[in-house]
Amino acid sequence: METLQRVYGISFPDSKMMKGWEKFQEEAKSRDHRKIGKEQELFFFHDLSPGSCFFLPRGAFIYNTLTDFIRMQDRHG
């Protein structure tokens, strides 16, 4: 049985554009919601359910507060 392998590639017309892309990628890593949520103890991900986040108490509080606010806005326009 053969296994399939996915390969990605990216190219740039010059090294200046490549360095700009690399800088953007590094900045994006620092703003990753998964990293920030873990650091601020808002939620976590479990290996058995990698696409689902599990809220911790602080994260649940923020989520519920936002949900309540959106519902109030919807009711009152």
N, C-alpha and C. Protein backbone atom coordinates (compact mmCIF):
# COMPACT_ATOMS: atom_id res chain seq x y z
N MET A 1 0.83 -1.17 0.00
CA MET A 1 0.00 0.00 0.00
C MET A 1 0.88 1.25 0.00
N GLU A 2 0.56 2.17 -0.89
CA GLU A 2 1.33 3.41 -0.97
C GLU A 2 0.72 4.46 -0.05
N THR A 3 1.59 5.23 0.55
CA THR A 3 1.09 6.34 1.36
C THR A 3 1.27 7.63 0.58
N LEU A 4 0.34 8.52 0.75
CA LEU A 4 0.42 9.81 0.08
C LEU A 4 1.07 10.82 1.00
N GLN A 5 1.77 11.73 0.39
CA GLN A 5 2.43 12.77 1.15
C GLN A 5 2.15 14.11 0.48
N ARG A 6 1.77 15.09 1.27
CA ARG A 6 1.48 16.41 0.74
C ARG A 6 2.71 17.29 0.92
N VAL A 7 3.08 17.98 -0.13
CA VAL A 7 4.25 18.86 -0.10
C VAL A 7 3.80 20.26 -0.49
N TYR A 8 4.21 21.24 0.28
CA TYR A 8 3.89 22.63 -0.01
C TYR A 8 5.17 23.37 -0.39
N GLY A 9 5.04 24.34 -1.25
CA GLY A 9 6.18 25.16 -1.62
C GLY A 9 5.74 26.60 -1.81
N ILE A 10 6.69 27.49 -1.67
CA ILE A 10 6.41 28.91 -1.87
C ILE A 10 7.67 29.53 -2.47
N SER A 11 7.47 30.48 -3.37
CA SER A 11 8.63 31.13 -3.99
C SER A 11 8.39 32.63 -4.07
N PHE A 12 9.48 33.35 -4.20
CA PHE A 12 9.43 34.81 -4.24
C PHE A 12 10.34 35.31 -5.36
N PRO A 13 9.97 36.44 -5.96
CA PRO A 13 10.81 36.98 -7.04
C PRO A 13 12.18 37.46 -6.56
N ASP A 14 12.25 37.89 -5.29
CA ASP A 14 13.54 38.34 -4.76
C ASP A 14 13.63 38.07 -3.26
N SER A 15 14.83 38.19 -2.73
CA SER A 15 15.05 37.85 -1.32
C SER A 15 14.39 38.87 -0.38
N LYS A 16 14.21 40.10 -0.84
CA LYS A 16 13.57 41.13 -0.01
C LYS A 16 12.12 40.72 0.29
N MET A 17 11.41 40.25 -0.70
CA MET A 17 10.03 39.81 -0.50
C MET A 17 9.98 38.59 0.41
N MET A 18 10.96 37.69 0.26
CA MET A 18 11.00 36.50 1.11
C MET A 18 11.23 36.90 2.57
N LYS A 19 12.13 37.82 2.82
CA LYS A 19 12.39 38.27 4.19
C LYS A 19 11.16 38.95 4.79
N GLY A 20 10.43 39.71 3.98
CA GLY A 20 9.19 40.33 4.45
C GLY A 20 8.16 39.29 4.83
N TRP A 21 8.05 38.24 4.02
CA TRP A 21 7.11 37.15 4.31
C TRP A 21 7.52 36.42 5.59
N GLU A 22 8.81 36.17 5.75
CA GLU A 22 9.30 35.49 6.96
C GLU A 22 9.00 36.33 8.20
N LYS A 23 9.18 37.64 8.11
CA LYS A 23 8.89 38.52 9.24
C LYS A 23 7.40 38.48 9.57
N PHE A 24 6.57 38.51 8.54
CA PHE A 24 5.12 38.44 8.74
C PHE A 24 4.74 37.13 9.42
N GLN A 25 5.35 36.02 9.03
CA GLN A 25 5.06 34.72 9.63
C GLN A 25 5.44 34.70 11.11
N GLU A 26 6.58 35.29 11.45
CA GLU A 26 7.01 35.35 12.85
C GLU A 26 6.04 36.19 13.68
N GLU A 27 5.60 37.32 13.13
CA GLU A 27 4.65 38.17 13.84
C GLU A 27 3.31 37.45 14.02
N ALA A 28 2.90 36.70 13.01
CA ALA A 28 1.64 35.96 13.10
C ALA A 28 1.70 34.90 14.20
N LYS A 29 2.85 34.27 14.38
CA LYS A 29 3.00 33.27 15.44
C LYS A 29 2.80 33.89 16.82
N SER A 30 3.25 35.13 16.98
CA SER A 30 3.11 35.78 18.28
C SER A 30 1.66 36.19 18.56
N ARG A 31 0.84 36.29 17.52
CA ARG A 31 -0.57 36.66 17.68
C ARG A 31 -1.51 35.47 17.56
N ASP A 32 -0.99 34.27 17.57
CA ASP A 32 -1.80 33.06 17.40
C ASP A 32 -2.76 32.89 18.57
N HIS A 33 -4.05 32.78 18.27
CA HIS A 33 -5.05 32.70 19.34
C HIS A 33 -4.87 31.46 20.21
N ARG A 34 -4.33 30.39 19.65
CA ARG A 34 -4.12 29.18 20.46
C ARG A 34 -3.05 29.42 21.52
N LYS A 35 -2.01 30.12 21.14
CA LYS A 35 -0.93 30.44 22.08
C LYS A 35 -1.41 31.43 23.14
N ILE A 36 -2.09 32.48 22.71
CA ILE A 36 -2.56 33.51 23.64
C ILE A 36 -3.58 32.94 24.62
N GLY A 37 -4.52 32.14 24.12
CA GLY A 37 -5.53 31.54 24.99
C GLY A 37 -4.93 30.64 26.05
N LYS A 38 -3.89 29.91 25.68
CA LYS A 38 -3.21 29.04 26.64
C LYS A 38 -2.46 29.87 27.68
N GLU A 39 -1.74 30.90 27.22
CA GLU A 39 -0.97 31.75 28.14
C GLU A 39 -1.86 32.48 29.13
N GLN A 40 -3.04 32.91 28.67
CA GLN A 40 -3.94 33.67 29.54
C GLN A 40 -4.94 32.78 30.26
N GLU A 41 -4.77 31.48 30.12
CA GLU A 41 -5.63 30.48 30.77
C GLU A 41 -7.10 30.71 30.46
N LEU A 42 -7.40 30.90 29.15
CA LEU A 42 -8.77 31.10 28.71
C LEU A 42 -9.39 29.80 28.21
N PHE A 43 -8.60 28.99 27.51
CA PHE A 43 -9.09 27.73 26.97
C PHE A 43 -7.91 26.82 26.67
N PHE A 44 -8.22 25.57 26.34
CA PHE A 44 -7.18 24.62 25.95
C PHE A 44 -7.74 23.68 24.89
N PHE A 45 -6.85 23.00 24.21
CA PHE A 45 -7.21 22.00 23.22
C PHE A 45 -6.74 20.64 23.73
N HIS A 46 -7.52 19.61 23.46
CA HIS A 46 -7.16 18.27 23.89
C HIS A 46 -6.80 17.43 22.67
N ASP A 47 -5.84 16.53 22.83
CA ASP A 47 -5.39 15.69 21.72
C ASP A 47 -6.51 14.83 21.13
N LEU A 48 -7.46 14.42 21.96
CA LEU A 48 -8.54 13.56 21.47
C LEU A 48 -9.59 14.33 20.68
N SER A 49 -9.58 15.64 20.80
CA SER A 49 -10.53 16.48 20.06
C SER A 49 -9.80 17.75 19.61
N PRO A 50 -8.89 17.63 18.63
CA PRO A 50 -8.01 18.74 18.29
C PRO A 50 -8.71 19.98 17.72
N GLY A 51 -9.90 19.84 17.17
CA GLY A 51 -10.58 21.00 16.60
C GLY A 51 -11.48 21.73 17.57
N SER A 52 -11.60 21.22 18.78
CA SER A 52 -12.51 21.81 19.77
C SER A 52 -11.72 22.44 20.90
N CYS A 53 -12.14 23.65 21.28
CA CYS A 53 -11.51 24.25 22.45
C CYS A 53 -12.40 24.02 23.66
N PHE A 54 -11.77 23.91 24.80
CA PHE A 54 -12.48 23.71 26.06
C PHE A 54 -12.19 24.94 26.92
N PHE A 55 -13.26 25.65 27.26
CA PHE A 55 -13.10 26.89 28.01
C PHE A 55 -12.74 26.61 29.46
N LEU A 56 -11.80 27.38 29.95
CA LEU A 56 -11.48 27.42 31.37
C LEU A 56 -12.36 28.51 31.98
N PRO A 57 -12.44 28.62 33.31
CA PRO A 57 -13.37 29.58 33.92
C PRO A 57 -13.27 31.01 33.39
N ARG A 58 -12.07 31.53 33.23
CA ARG A 58 -11.92 32.91 32.73
C ARG A 58 -12.39 33.03 31.29
N GLY A 59 -12.09 32.03 30.48
CA GLY A 59 -12.53 32.05 29.09
C GLY A 59 -14.04 31.93 28.97
N ALA A 60 -14.64 31.09 29.82
CA ALA A 60 -16.10 30.95 29.82
C ALA A 60 -16.76 32.25 30.23
N PHE A 61 -16.18 32.95 31.20
CA PHE A 61 -16.73 34.23 31.63
C PHE A 61 -16.73 35.23 30.47
N ILE A 62 -15.61 35.33 29.76
CA ILE A 62 -15.52 36.26 28.63
C ILE A 62 -16.51 35.87 27.54
N TYR A 63 -16.57 34.58 27.22
CA TYR A 63 -17.49 34.10 26.19
C TYR A 63 -18.94 34.43 26.55
N ASN A 64 -19.34 34.14 27.78
CA ASN A 64 -20.72 34.40 28.21
C ASN A 64 -21.03 35.90 28.24
N THR A 65 -20.07 36.71 28.64
CA THR A 65 -20.26 38.16 28.65
C THR A 65 -20.48 38.68 27.23
N LEU A 66 -19.67 38.21 26.30
CA LEU A 66 -19.84 38.63 24.90
C LEU A 66 -21.17 38.15 24.33
N THR A 67 -21.55 36.93 24.65
CA THR A 67 -22.83 36.39 24.17
C THR A 67 -23.99 37.21 24.71
N ASP A 68 -23.96 37.55 25.98
CA ASP A 68 -25.02 38.38 26.57
C ASP A 68 -25.07 39.75 25.90
N PHE A 69 -23.92 40.34 25.65
CA PHE A 69 -23.87 41.65 25.00
C PHE A 69 -24.48 41.59 23.60
N ILE A 70 -24.12 40.57 22.84
CA ILE A 70 -24.65 40.42 21.48
C ILE A 70 -26.16 40.23 21.51
N ARG A 71 -26.65 39.45 22.45
CA ARG A 71 -28.10 39.25 22.57
C ARG A 71 -28.81 40.56 22.90
N MET A 72 -28.23 41.35 23.79
CA MET A 72 -28.84 42.65 24.13
C MET A 72 -28.86 43.57 22.91
N GLN A 73 -27.78 43.58 22.16
CA GLN A 73 -27.73 44.41 20.96
C GLN A 73 -28.77 43.97 19.94
N ASP A 74 -28.96 42.67 19.82
CA ASP A 74 -29.93 42.14 18.87
C ASP A 74 -31.35 42.52 19.28
N ARG A 75 -31.64 42.48 20.56
CA ARG A 75 -32.99 42.81 21.05
C ARG A 75 -33.30 44.30 20.92
N HIS A 76 -32.32 45.12 21.24
CA HIS A 76 -32.57 46.56 21.31
C HIS A 76 -32.08 47.34 20.09
N GLY A 77 -31.51 46.64 19.16
CA GLY A 77 -31.09 47.30 17.92
C GLY A 77 -29.87 48.04 18.03
